[in-house]
């Protein structure tokens, strides 16, 4: 994978079971009532809206997707060491995003 991640490559890796969740991320997801299956589903229908090629320790991106229940979520994911790393997952705030939560509002 290049520094600029591709959603189809991330989907393929997730479907192959090459995904890592940290305890912190899973705890935050539980607080936000977001299931791991919601994240996987959002990869399948989502799009990368921001790239973070210089992220440490692996290049990362921000994905906008929709859960099976129709909730829009943002997933920050990286790719390295053969795994998709889920960094954080949240529902975007309409006060911070425009265009269906795909473009950051200027501050």
PDB file of N, CA and C in Angstrom:
ATOM      1  N   UNK A   1       0.843  -1.184   0.000  1.00  0.00           N
ATOM      2  CA  UNK A   1       0.000   0.000   0.000  1.00  0.00           C
ATOM      3  C   UNK A   1       0.886   1.244   0.000  1.00  0.00           C
ATOM      4  N   UNK A   2       0.475   2.261  -0.730  1.00  0.00           N
ATOM      5  CA  UNK A   2       1.216   3.518  -0.752  1.00  0.00           C
ATOM      6  C   UNK A   2       0.894   4.315   0.513  1.00  0.00           C
ATOM      7  N   UNK A   3       1.537   5.481   0.633  1.00  0.00           N
ATOM      8  CA  UNK A   3       1.236   6.356   1.770  1.00  0.00           C
ATOM      9  C   UNK A   3      -0.210   6.844   1.726  1.00  0.00           C
ATOM     10  N   UNK A   4      -0.785   6.948   0.517  1.00  0.00           N
ATOM     11  CA  UNK A   4      -2.174   7.333   0.381  1.00  0.00           C
ATOM     12  C   UNK A   4      -3.003   6.061   0.313  1.00  0.00           C
ATOM     13  N   UNK A   5      -3.762   5.829   1.347  1.00  0.00           N
ATOM     14  CA  UNK A   5      -4.523   4.590   1.470  1.00  0.00           C
ATOM     15  C   UNK A   5      -5.689   4.575   0.497  1.00  0.00           C
ATOM     16  N   UNK A   6      -6.103   3.395   0.117  1.00  0.00           N
ATOM     17  CA  UNK A   6      -7.200   3.185  -0.818  1.00  0.00           C
ATOM     18  C   UNK A   6      -8.290   2.400  -0.108  1.00  0.00           C
ATOM     19  N   UNK A   7      -9.528   2.862  -0.198  1.00  0.00           N
ATOM     20  CA  UNK A   7     -10.628   2.225   0.536  1.00  0.00           C
ATOM     21  C   UNK A   7     -10.810   0.768   0.131  1.00  0.00           C
ATOM     22  N   UNK A   8     -10.646   0.450  -1.141  1.00  0.00           N
ATOM     23  CA  UNK A   8     -10.843  -0.941  -1.566  1.00  0.00           C
ATOM     24  C   UNK A   8      -9.778  -1.858  -0.964  1.00  0.00           C
ATOM     25  N   UNK A   9      -8.563  -1.346  -0.809  1.00  0.00           N
ATOM     26  CA  UNK A   9      -7.507  -2.140  -0.170  1.00  0.00           C
ATOM     27  C   UNK A   9      -7.800  -2.332   1.318  1.00  0.00           C
ATOM     28  N   UNK A  10      -8.299  -1.294   1.962  1.00  0.00           N
ATOM     29  CA  UNK A  10      -8.651  -1.409   3.380  1.00  0.00           C
ATOM     30  C   UNK A  10      -9.788  -2.408   3.571  1.00  0.00           C
ATOM     31  N   UNK A  11     -10.781  -2.365   2.703  1.00  0.00           N
ATOM     32  CA  UNK A  11     -11.903  -3.316   2.773  1.00  0.00           C
ATOM     33  C   UNK A  11     -11.381  -4.737   2.622  1.00  0.00           C
ATOM     34  N   UNK A  12     -10.528  -4.945   1.650  1.00  0.00           N
ATOM     35  CA  UNK A  12      -9.980  -6.283   1.412  1.00  0.00           C
ATOM     36  C   UNK A  12      -9.227  -6.792   2.646  1.00  0.00           C
ATOM     37  N   UNK A  13      -8.423  -5.951   3.252  1.00  0.00           N
ATOM     38  CA  UNK A  13      -7.671  -6.351   4.442  1.00  0.00           C
ATOM     39  C   UNK A  13      -8.604  -6.633   5.633  1.00  0.00           C
ATOM     40  N   UNK A  14      -9.621  -5.803   5.797  1.00  0.00           N
ATOM     41  CA  UNK A  14     -10.595  -6.035   6.884  1.00  0.00           C
ATOM     42  C   UNK A  14     -11.336  -7.351   6.662  1.00  0.00           C
ATOM     43  N   UNK A  15     -11.765  -7.586   5.444  1.00  0.00           N
ATOM     44  CA  UNK A  15     -12.495  -8.817   5.138  1.00  0.00           C
ATOM     45  C   UNK A  15     -11.631 -10.052   5.354  1.00  0.00           C
ATOM     46  N   UNK A  16     -10.320  -9.896   5.216  1.00  0.00           N
ATOM     47  CA  UNK A  16      -9.395 -11.003   5.437  1.00  0.00           C
ATOM     48  C   UNK A  16      -9.085 -11.187   6.928  1.00  0.00           C
ATOM     49  N   UNK A  17      -9.667 -10.299   7.765  1.00  0.00           N
ATOM     50  CA  UNK A  17      -9.434 -10.404   9.202  1.00  0.00           C
ATOM     51  C   UNK A  17      -8.175  -9.710   9.671  1.00  0.00           C
ATOM     52  N   UNK A  18      -7.576  -8.906   8.805  1.00  0.00           N
ATOM     53  CA  UNK A  18      -6.340  -8.199   9.141  1.00  0.00           C
ATOM     54  C   UNK A  18      -6.671  -6.831   9.738  1.00  0.00           C
ATOM     55  N   UNK A  19      -7.270  -6.852  10.913  1.00  0.00           N
ATOM     56  CA  UNK A  19      -7.715  -5.618  11.562  1.00  0.00           C
ATOM     57  C   UNK A  19      -7.337  -5.669  13.036  1.00  0.00           C
ATOM     58  N   UNK A  20      -6.890  -4.537  13.556  1.00  0.00           N
ATOM     59  CA  UNK A  20      -6.490  -4.439  14.954  1.00  0.00           C
ATOM     60  C   UNK A  20      -7.309  -3.349  15.644  1.00  0.00           C
ATOM     61  N   UNK A  21      -7.793  -3.685  16.820  1.00  0.00           N
ATOM     62  CA  UNK A  21      -8.571  -2.769  17.657  1.00  0.00           C
ATOM     63  C   UNK A  21      -7.817  -2.597  18.969  1.00  0.00           C
ATOM     64  N   UNK A  22      -7.636  -1.373  19.414  1.00  0.00           N
ATOM     65  CA  UNK A  22      -7.037  -1.181  20.734  1.00  0.00           C
ATOM     66  C   UNK A  22      -8.139  -1.214  21.783  1.00  0.00           C
ATOM     67  N   UNK A  23      -7.761  -1.522  23.008  1.00  0.00           N
ATOM     68  CA  UNK A  23      -8.729  -1.521  24.104  1.00  0.00           C
ATOM     69  C   UNK A  23      -9.340  -0.132  24.264  1.00  0.00           C
ATOM     70  N   UNK A  24      -8.513   0.900  24.100  1.00  0.00           N
ATOM     71  CA  UNK A  24      -9.010   2.278  24.214  1.00  0.00           C
ATOM     72  C   UNK A  24     -10.075   2.559  23.161  1.00  0.00           C
ATOM     73  N   UNK A  25      -9.789   2.188  21.923  1.00  0.00           N
ATOM     74  CA  UNK A  25     -10.742   2.424  20.827  1.00  0.00           C
ATOM     75  C   UNK A  25     -12.046   1.675  21.070  1.00  0.00           C
ATOM     76  N   UNK A  26     -11.949   0.415  21.461  1.00  0.00           N
ATOM     77  CA  UNK A  26     -13.163  -0.376  21.725  1.00  0.00           C
ATOM     78  C   UNK A  26     -13.966   0.221  22.874  1.00  0.00           C
ATOM     79  N   UNK A  27     -13.285   0.739  23.889  1.00  0.00           N
ATOM     80  CA  UNK A  27     -13.984   1.387  25.000  1.00  0.00           C
ATOM     81  C   UNK A  27     -14.728   2.631  24.558  1.00  0.00           C
ATOM     82  N   UNK A  28     -14.073   3.458  23.740  1.00  0.00           N
ATOM     83  CA  UNK A  28     -14.722   4.666  23.216  1.00  0.00           C
ATOM     84  C   UNK A  28     -15.906   4.310  22.318  1.00  0.00           C
ATOM     85  N   UNK A  29     -15.733   3.269  21.511  1.00  0.00           N
ATOM     86  CA  UNK A  29     -16.829   2.837  20.648  1.00  0.00           C
ATOM     87  C   UNK A  29     -18.015   2.385  21.493  1.00  0.00           C
ATOM     88  N   UNK A  30     -17.753   1.673  22.565  1.00  0.00           N
ATOM     89  CA  UNK A  30     -18.832   1.216  23.440  1.00  0.00           C
ATOM     90  C   UNK A  30     -19.555   2.414  24.045  1.00  0.00           C
ATOM     91  N   UNK A  31     -18.805   3.421  24.482  1.00  0.00           N
ATOM     92  CA  UNK A  31     -19.409   4.643  25.028  1.00  0.00           C
ATOM     93  C   UNK A  31     -20.302   5.323  23.992  1.00  0.00           C
ATOM     94  N   UNK A  32     -19.908   5.240  22.728  1.00  0.00           N
ATOM     95  CA  UNK A  32     -20.619   5.916  21.639  1.00  0.00           C
ATOM     96  C   UNK A  32     -21.648   5.018  20.962  1.00  0.00           C
ATOM     97  N   UNK A  33     -21.820   3.810  21.508  1.00  0.00           N
ATOM     98  CA  UNK A  33     -22.783   2.831  20.978  1.00  0.00           C
ATOM     99  C   UNK A  33     -22.504   2.511  19.505  1.00  0.00           C
ATOM    100  N   UNK A  34     -21.228   2.279  19.221  1.00  0.00           N
ATOM    101  CA  UNK A  34     -20.796   1.902  17.882  1.00  0.00           C
ATOM    102  C   UNK A  34     -20.151   0.531  17.980  1.00  0.00           C
ATOM    103  N   UNK A  35     -20.645  -0.411  17.198  1.00  0.00           N
ATOM    104  CA  UNK A  35     -20.158  -1.787  17.213  1.00  0.00           C
ATOM    105  C   UNK A  35     -19.045  -1.983  16.180  1.00  0.00           C
ATOM    106  N   UNK A  36     -18.155  -2.949  16.409  1.00  0.00           N
ATOM    107  CA  UNK A  36     -17.149  -3.262  15.390  1.00  0.00           C
ATOM    108  C   UNK A  36     -17.769  -3.568  14.022  1.00  0.00           C
ATOM    109  N   UNK A  37     -18.923  -4.224  14.000  1.00  0.00           N
ATOM    110  CA  UNK A  37     -19.585  -4.507  12.714  1.00  0.00           C
ATOM    111  C   UNK A  37     -20.021  -3.215  12.019  1.00  0.00           C
ATOM    112  N   UNK A  38     -20.323  -2.157  12.802  1.00  0.00           N
ATOM    113  CA  UNK A  38     -20.653  -0.858  12.215  1.00  0.00           C
ATOM    114  C   UNK A  38     -19.448  -0.305  11.456  1.00  0.00           C
ATOM    115  N   UNK A  39     -18.273  -0.473  12.039  1.00  0.00           N
ATOM    116  CA  UNK A  39     -17.048   0.025  11.418  1.00  0.00           C
ATOM    117  C   UNK A  39     -16.788  -0.723  10.109  1.00  0.00           C
ATOM    118  N   UNK A  40     -16.859  -2.042  10.158  1.00  0.00           N
ATOM    119  CA  UNK A  40     -16.625  -2.840   8.952  1.00  0.00           C
ATOM    120  C   UNK A  40     -17.643  -2.476   7.870  1.00  0.00           C
ATOM    121  N   UNK A  41     -18.904  -2.339   8.259  1.00  0.00           N
ATOM    122  CA  UNK A  41     -19.952  -1.969   7.294  1.00  0.00           C
ATOM    123  C   UNK A  41     -19.648  -0.601   6.680  1.00  0.00           C
ATOM    124  N   UNK A  42     -19.171   0.334   7.498  1.00  0.00           N
ATOM    125  CA  UNK A  42     -18.877   1.673   6.985  1.00  0.00           C
ATOM    126  C   UNK A  42     -17.705   1.662   6.006  1.00  0.00           C
ATOM    127  N   UNK A  43     -16.781   0.727   6.149  1.00  0.00           N
ATOM    128  CA  UNK A  43     -15.696   0.605   5.176  1.00  0.00           C
ATOM    129  C   UNK A  43     -16.262   0.194   3.820  1.00  0.00           C
ATOM    130  N   UNK A  44     -17.237  -0.687   3.838  1.00  0.00           N
ATOM    131  CA  UNK A  44     -17.808  -1.208   2.592  1.00  0.00           C
ATOM    132  C   UNK A  44     -18.590  -0.155   1.814  1.00  0.00           C
ATOM    133  N   UNK A  45     -19.175   0.829   2.504  1.00  0.00           N
ATOM    134  CA  UNK A  45     -19.955   1.848   1.788  1.00  0.00           C
ATOM    135  C   UNK A  45     -19.336   3.230   1.910  1.00  0.00           C
ATOM    136  N   UNK A  46     -18.170   3.301   2.517  1.00  0.00           N
ATOM    137  CA  UNK A  46     -17.573   4.596   2.817  1.00  0.00           C
ATOM    138  C   UNK A  46     -16.601   5.100   1.784  1.00  0.00           C
ATOM    139  N   UNK A  47     -16.078   6.270   2.102  1.00  0.00           N
ATOM    140  CA  UNK A  47     -15.085   6.922   1.253  1.00  0.00           C
ATOM    141  C   UNK A  47     -14.044   7.589   2.142  1.00  0.00           C
ATOM    142  N   UNK A  48     -12.829   7.612   1.657  1.00  0.00           N
ATOM    143  CA  UNK A  48     -11.771   8.331   2.365  1.00  0.00           C
ATOM    144  C   UNK A  48     -11.937   9.811   2.067  1.00  0.00           C
ATOM    145  N   UNK A  49     -12.053  10.607   3.136  1.00  0.00           N
ATOM    146  CA  UNK A  49     -12.258  12.043   2.949  1.00  0.00           C
ATOM    147  C   UNK A  49     -11.032  12.869   3.334  1.00  0.00           C
ATOM    148  N   UNK A  50     -10.102  12.278   4.060  1.00  0.00           N
ATOM    149  CA  UNK A  50      -8.841  12.941   4.387  1.00  0.00           C
ATOM    150  C   UNK A  50      -7.744  11.880   4.463  1.00  0.00           C
ATOM    151  N   UNK A  51      -6.553  12.256   4.014  1.00  0.00           N
ATOM    152  CA  UNK A  51      -5.383  11.382   4.095  1.00  0.00           C
ATOM    153  C   UNK A  51      -4.388  11.988   5.081  1.00  0.00           C
ATOM    154  N   UNK A  52      -3.753  11.127   5.863  1.00  0.00           N
ATOM    155  CA  UNK A  52      -2.714  11.537   6.804  1.00  0.00           C
ATOM    156  C   UNK A  52      -1.458  10.697   6.527  1.00  0.00           C
ATOM    157  N   UNK A  53      -0.768  10.956   5.417  1.00  0.00           N
ATOM    158  CA  UNK A  53       0.363  10.106   5.035  1.00  0.00           C
ATOM    159  C   UNK A  53       1.536  10.157   6.011  1.00  0.00           C
ATOM    160  N   UNK A  54       1.642  11.219   6.777  1.00  0.00           N
ATOM    161  CA  UNK A  54       2.754  11.357   7.720  1.00  0.00           C
ATOM    162  C   UNK A  54       2.400  10.898   9.130  1.00  0.00           C
ATOM    163  N   UNK A  55       1.213  10.321   9.307  1.00  0.00           N
ATOM    164  CA  UNK A  55       0.800   9.865  10.642  1.00  0.00           C
ATOM    165  C   UNK A  55       1.784   8.825  11.170  1.00  0.00           C
ATOM    166  N   UNK A  56       1.950   8.819  12.465  1.00  0.00           N
ATOM    167  CA  UNK A  56       2.867   7.880  13.110  1.00  0.00           C
ATOM    168  C   UNK A  56       2.074   6.902  13.952  1.00  0.00           C
ATOM    169  N   UNK A  57       2.347   5.633  13.912  1.00  0.00           N
ATOM    170  CA  UNK A  57       3.479   4.994  13.246  1.00  0.00           C
ATOM    171  C   UNK A  57       3.178   4.519  11.828  1.00  0.00           C
ATOM    172  N   UNK A  58       1.926   4.679  11.356  1.00  0.00           N
ATOM    173  CA  UNK A  58       1.549   4.215  10.019  1.00  0.00           C
ATOM    174  C   UNK A  58       0.730   5.288   9.312  1.00  0.00           C
ATOM    175  N   UNK A  59       0.805   5.371   7.977  1.00  0.00           N
ATOM    176  CA  UNK A  59      -0.087   6.278   7.248  1.00  0.00           C
ATOM    177  C   UNK A  59      -1.540   5.984   7.641  1.00  0.00           C
ATOM    178  N   UNK A  60      -2.342   7.030   7.700  1.00  0.00           N
ATOM    179  CA  UNK A  60      -3.730   6.879   8.141  1.00  0.00           C
ATOM    180  C   UNK A  60      -4.652   7.711   7.254  1.00  0.00           C
ATOM    181  N   UNK A  61      -5.943   7.541   7.497  1.00  0.00           N
ATOM    182  CA  UNK A  61      -6.937   8.294   6.746  1.00  0.00           C
ATOM    183  C   UNK A  61      -8.210   8.414   7.576  1.00  0.00           C
ATOM    184  N   UNK A  62      -9.075   9.307   7.139  1.00  0.00           N
ATOM    185  CA  UNK A  62     -10.391   9.489   7.745  1.00  0.00           C
ATOM    186  C   UNK A  62     -11.428   8.995   6.750  1.00  0.00           C
ATOM    187  N   UNK A  63     -12.259   8.065   7.205  1.00  0.00           N
ATOM    188  CA  UNK A  63     -13.292   7.469   6.361  1.00  0.00           C
ATOM    189  C   UNK A  63     -14.655   7.944   6.839  1.00  0.00           C
ATOM    190  N   UNK A  64     -15.489   8.364   5.915  1.00  0.00           N
ATOM    191  CA  UNK A  64     -16.891   8.662   6.196  1.00  0.00           C
ATOM    192  C   UNK A  64     -17.699   7.484   5.680  1.00  0.00           C
ATOM    193  N   UNK A  65     -18.458   6.864   6.572  1.00  0.00           N
ATOM    194  CA  UNK A  65     -19.284   5.731   6.180  1.00  0.00           C
ATOM    195  C   UNK A  65     -20.610   5.764   6.912  1.00  0.00           C
ATOM    196  N   UNK A  66     -21.441   4.771   6.611  1.00  0.00           N
ATOM    197  CA  UNK A  66     -22.770   4.677   7.197  1.00  0.00           C
ATOM    198  C   UNK A  66     -22.933   3.276   7.794  1.00  0.00           C
ATOM    199  N   UNK A  67     -23.467   3.220   9.006  1.00  0.00           N
ATOM    200  CA  UNK A  67     -23.717   1.937   9.658  1.00  0.00           C
ATOM    201  C   UNK A  67     -24.957   1.295   9.047  1.00  0.00           C
ATOM    202  N   UNK A  68     -25.202   0.026   9.394  1.00  0.00           N
ATOM    203  CA  UNK A  68     -26.414  -0.645   8.912  1.00  0.00           C
ATOM    204  C   UNK A  68     -27.672   0.079   9.369  1.00  0.00           C
ATOM    205  N   UNK A  69     -27.595   0.735  10.528  1.00  0.00           N
ATOM    206  CA  UNK A  69     -28.745   1.475  11.064  1.00  0.00           C
ATOM    207  C   UNK A  69     -28.875   2.866  10.445  1.00  0.00           C
ATOM    208  N   UNK A  70     -27.951   3.242   9.547  1.00  0.00           N
ATOM    209  CA  UNK A  70     -28.052   4.536   8.875  1.00  0.00           C
ATOM    210  C   UNK A  70     -27.333   5.678   9.555  1.00  0.00           C
ATOM    211  N   UNK A  71     -26.553   5.398  10.578  1.00  0.00           N
ATOM    212  CA  UNK A  71     -25.774   6.449  11.261  1.00  0.00           C
ATOM    213  C   UNK A  71     -24.510   6.749  10.461  1.00  0.00           C
ATOM    214  N   UNK A  72     -24.246   8.021  10.249  1.00  0.00           N
ATOM    215  CA  UNK A  72     -22.987   8.412   9.611  1.00  0.00           C
ATOM    216  C   UNK A  72     -21.909   8.389  10.692  1.00  0.00           C
ATOM    217  N   UNK A  73     -20.790   7.753  10.373  1.00  0.00           N
ATOM    218  CA  UNK A  73     -19.668   7.727  11.303  1.00  0.00           C
ATOM    219  C   UNK A  73     -18.383   8.060  10.578  1.00  0.00           C
ATOM    220  N   UNK A  74     -17.439   8.565  11.364  1.00  0.00           N
ATOM    221  CA  UNK A  74     -16.080   8.778  10.898  1.00  0.00           C
ATOM    222  C   UNK A  74     -15.206   7.721  11.545  1.00  0.00           C
ATOM    223  N   UNK A  75     -14.320   7.140  10.753  1.00  0.00           N
ATOM    224  CA  UNK A  75     -13.357   6.159  11.238  1.00  0.00           C
ATOM    225  C   UNK A  75     -11.967   6.642  10.841  1.00  0.00           C
ATOM    226  N   UNK A  76     -11.101   6.802  11.827  1.00  0.00           N
ATOM    227  CA  UNK A  76      -9.709   7.083  11.528  1.00  0.00           C
ATOM    228  C   UNK A  76      -8.991   5.738  11.586  1.00  0.00           C
ATOM    229  N   UNK A  77      -8.376   5.377  10.460  1.00  0.00           N
ATOM    230  CA  UNK A  77      -7.715   4.084  10.355  1.00  0.00           C
ATOM    231  C   UNK A  77      -6.346   4.259   9.721  1.00  0.00           C
ATOM    232  N   UNK A  78      -5.428   3.423  10.162  1.00  0.00           N
ATOM    233  CA  UNK A  78      -4.099   3.395   9.581  1.00  0.00           C
ATOM    234  C   UNK A  78      -3.826   2.023   9.000  1.00  0.00           C
ATOM    235  N   UNK A  79      -2.749   1.915   8.239  1.00  0.00           N
ATOM    236  CA  UNK A  79      -2.362   0.617   7.716  1.00  0.00           C
ATOM    237  C   UNK A  79      -0.869   0.447   7.875  1.00  0.00           C
ATOM    238  N   UNK A  80      -0.499  -0.676   8.521  1.00  0.00           N
ATOM    239  CA  UNK A  80       0.913  -0.982   8.692  1.00  0.00           C
ATOM    240  C   UNK A  80       1.083  -2.374   9.264  1.00  0.00           C
ATOM    241  N   UNK A  81       2.229  -2.966   9.008  1.00  0.00           N
ATOM    242  CA  UNK A  81       2.553  -4.306   9.502  1.00  0.00           C
ATOM    243  C   UNK A  81       1.520  -5.336   9.074  1.00  0.00           C
ATOM    244  N   UNK A  82       0.861  -5.077   7.939  1.00  0.00           N
ATOM    245  CA  UNK A  82      -0.112  -6.018   7.401  1.00  0.00           C
ATOM    246  C   UNK A  82      -1.494  -5.934   8.021  1.00  0.00           C
ATOM    247  N   UNK A  83      -1.755  -4.884   8.804  1.00  0.00           N
ATOM    248  CA  UNK A  83      -3.046  -4.742   9.484  1.00  0.00           C
ATOM    249  C   UNK A  83      -3.649  -3.362   9.277  1.00  0.00           C
ATOM    250  N   UNK A  84      -4.985  -3.325   9.277  1.00  0.00           N
ATOM    251  CA  UNK A  84      -5.725  -2.068   9.374  1.00  0.00           C
ATOM    252  C   UNK A  84      -5.865  -1.784  10.868  1.00  0.00           C
ATOM    253  N   UNK A  85      -5.401  -0.642  11.306  1.00  0.00           N
ATOM    254  CA  UNK A  85      -5.447  -0.243  12.710  1.00  0.00           C
ATOM    255  C   UNK A  85      -6.575   0.773  12.881  1.00  0.00           C
ATOM    256  N   UNK A  86      -7.552   0.445  13.700  1.00  0.00           N
ATOM    257  CA  UNK A  86      -8.643   1.372  13.970  1.00  0.00           C
ATOM    258  C   UNK A  86      -8.196   2.296  15.096  1.00  0.00           C
ATOM    259  N   UNK A  87      -8.063   3.568  14.779  1.00  0.00           N
ATOM    260  CA  UNK A  87      -7.524   4.544  15.724  1.00  0.00           C
ATOM    261  C   UNK A  87      -8.633   5.174  16.551  1.00  0.00           C
ATOM    262  N   UNK A  88      -9.690   5.611  15.891  1.00  0.00           N
ATOM    263  CA  UNK A  88     -10.855   6.133  16.605  1.00  0.00           C
ATOM    264  C   UNK A  88     -12.069   6.075  15.695  1.00  0.00           C
ATOM    265  N   UNK A  89     -13.242   6.079  16.317  1.00  0.00           N
ATOM    266  CA  UNK A  89     -14.515   6.033  15.602  1.00  0.00           C
ATOM    267  C   UNK A  89     -15.479   6.956  16.350  1.00  0.00           C
ATOM    268  N   UNK A  90     -16.197   7.792  15.601  1.00  0.00           N
ATOM    269  CA  UNK A  90     -17.126   8.724  16.244  1.00  0.00           C
ATOM    270  C   UNK A  90     -18.190   9.175  15.252  1.00  0.00           C
ATOM    271  N   UNK A  91     -19.271   9.732  15.778  1.00  0.00           N
ATOM    272  CA  UNK A  91     -20.273  10.389  14.937  1.00  0.00           C
ATOM    273  C   UNK A  91     -19.827  11.832  14.748  1.00  0.00           C
ATOM    274  N   UNK A  92     -19.724  12.289  13.505  1.00  0.00           N
ATOM    275  CA  UNK A  92     -19.259  13.656  13.272  1.00  0.00           C
ATOM    276  C   UNK A  92     -20.276  14.687  13.778  1.00  0.00           C
ATOM    277  N   UNK A  93     -19.747  15.817  14.188  1.00  0.00           N
ATOM    278  CA  UNK A  93     -20.544  16.923  14.726  1.00  0.00           C
ATOM    279  C   UNK A  93     -20.904  17.871  13.585  1.00  0.00           C
ATOM    280  N   UNK A  94     -22.196  18.143  13.415  1.00  0.00           N
ATOM    281  CA  UNK A  94     -22.627  19.022  12.318  1.00  0.00           C
ATOM    282  C   UNK A  94     -22.081  20.436  12.445  1.00  0.00           C
ATOM    283  N   UNK A  95     -21.638  20.825  13.634  1.00  0.00           N
ATOM    284  CA  UNK A  95     -21.044  22.148  13.812  1.00  0.00           C
ATOM    285  C   UNK A  95     -19.612  22.211  13.282  1.00  0.00           C
ATOM    286  N   UNK A  96     -19.016  21.052  13.015  1.00  0.00           N
ATOM    287  CA  UNK A  96     -17.636  21.004  12.553  1.00  0.00           C
ATOM    288  C   UNK A  96     -17.491  20.559  11.096  1.00  0.00           C
ATOM    289  N   UNK A  97     -18.586  20.058  10.489  1.00  0.00           N
ATOM    290  CA  UNK A  97     -18.511  19.468   9.157  1.00  0.00           C
ATOM    291  C   UNK A  97     -19.624  19.986   8.255  1.00  0.00           C
ATOM    292  N   UNK A  98     -19.349  20.037   6.949  1.00  0.00           N
ATOM    293  CA  UNK A  98     -20.352  20.386   5.954  1.00  0.00           C
ATOM    294  C   UNK A  98     -20.394  19.286   4.896  1.00  0.00           C
ATOM    295  N   UNK A  99     -21.238  19.478   3.901  1.00  0.00           N
ATOM    296  CA  UNK A  99     -21.338  18.555   2.766  1.00  0.00           C
ATOM    297  C   UNK A  99     -21.524  17.110   3.209  1.00  0.00           C
ATOM    298  N   UNK A 100     -22.519  16.904   4.081  1.00  0.00           N
ATOM    299  CA  UNK A 100     -22.800  15.542   4.530  1.00  0.00           C
ATOM    300  C   UNK A 100     -21.701  14.967   5.399  1.00  0.00           C
ATOM    301  N   UNK A 101     -21.028  15.824   6.150  1.00  0.00           N
ATOM    302  CA  UNK A 101     -19.943  15.436   7.059  1.00  0.00           C
ATOM    303  C   UNK A 101     -18.659  15.038   6.332  1.00  0.00           C
ATOM    304  N   UNK A 102     -18.472  15.535   5.104  1.00  0.00           N
ATOM    305  CA  UNK A 102     -17.292  15.159   4.344  1.00  0.00           C
ATOM    306  C   UNK A 102     -16.242  16.269   4.234  1.00  0.00           C
ATOM    307  N   UNK A 103     -16.597  17.506   4.634  1.00  0.00           N
ATOM    308  CA  UNK A 103     -15.668  18.633   4.545  1.00  0.00           C
ATOM    309  C   UNK A 103     -15.668  19.370   5.869  1.00  0.00           C
ATOM    310  N   UNK A 104     -14.469  19.587   6.400  1.00  0.00           N
ATOM    311  CA  UNK A 104     -14.342  20.343   7.669  1.00  0.00           C
ATOM    312  C   UNK A 104     -14.723  21.802   7.442  1.00  0.00           C
ATOM    313  N   UNK A 105     -15.476  22.350   8.397  1.00  0.00           N
ATOM    314  CA  UNK A 105     -15.757  23.782   8.364  1.00  0.00           C
ATOM    315  C   UNK A 105     -14.516  24.533   8.766  1.00  0.00           C
ATOM    316  N   UNK A 106     -14.331  25.695   8.172  1.00  0.00           N
ATOM    317  CA  UNK A 106     -13.201  26.545   8.560  1.00  0.00           C
ATOM    318  C   UNK A 106     -13.488  27.155   9.910  1.00  0.00           C
ATOM    319  N   UNK A 107     -12.436  27.297  10.695  1.00  0.00           N
ATOM    320  CA  UNK A 107     -12.584  27.867  12.052  1.00  0.00           C
ATOM    321  C   UNK A 107     -12.370  29.339  12.053  1.00  0.00           C
TER     322      UNK A 107
END
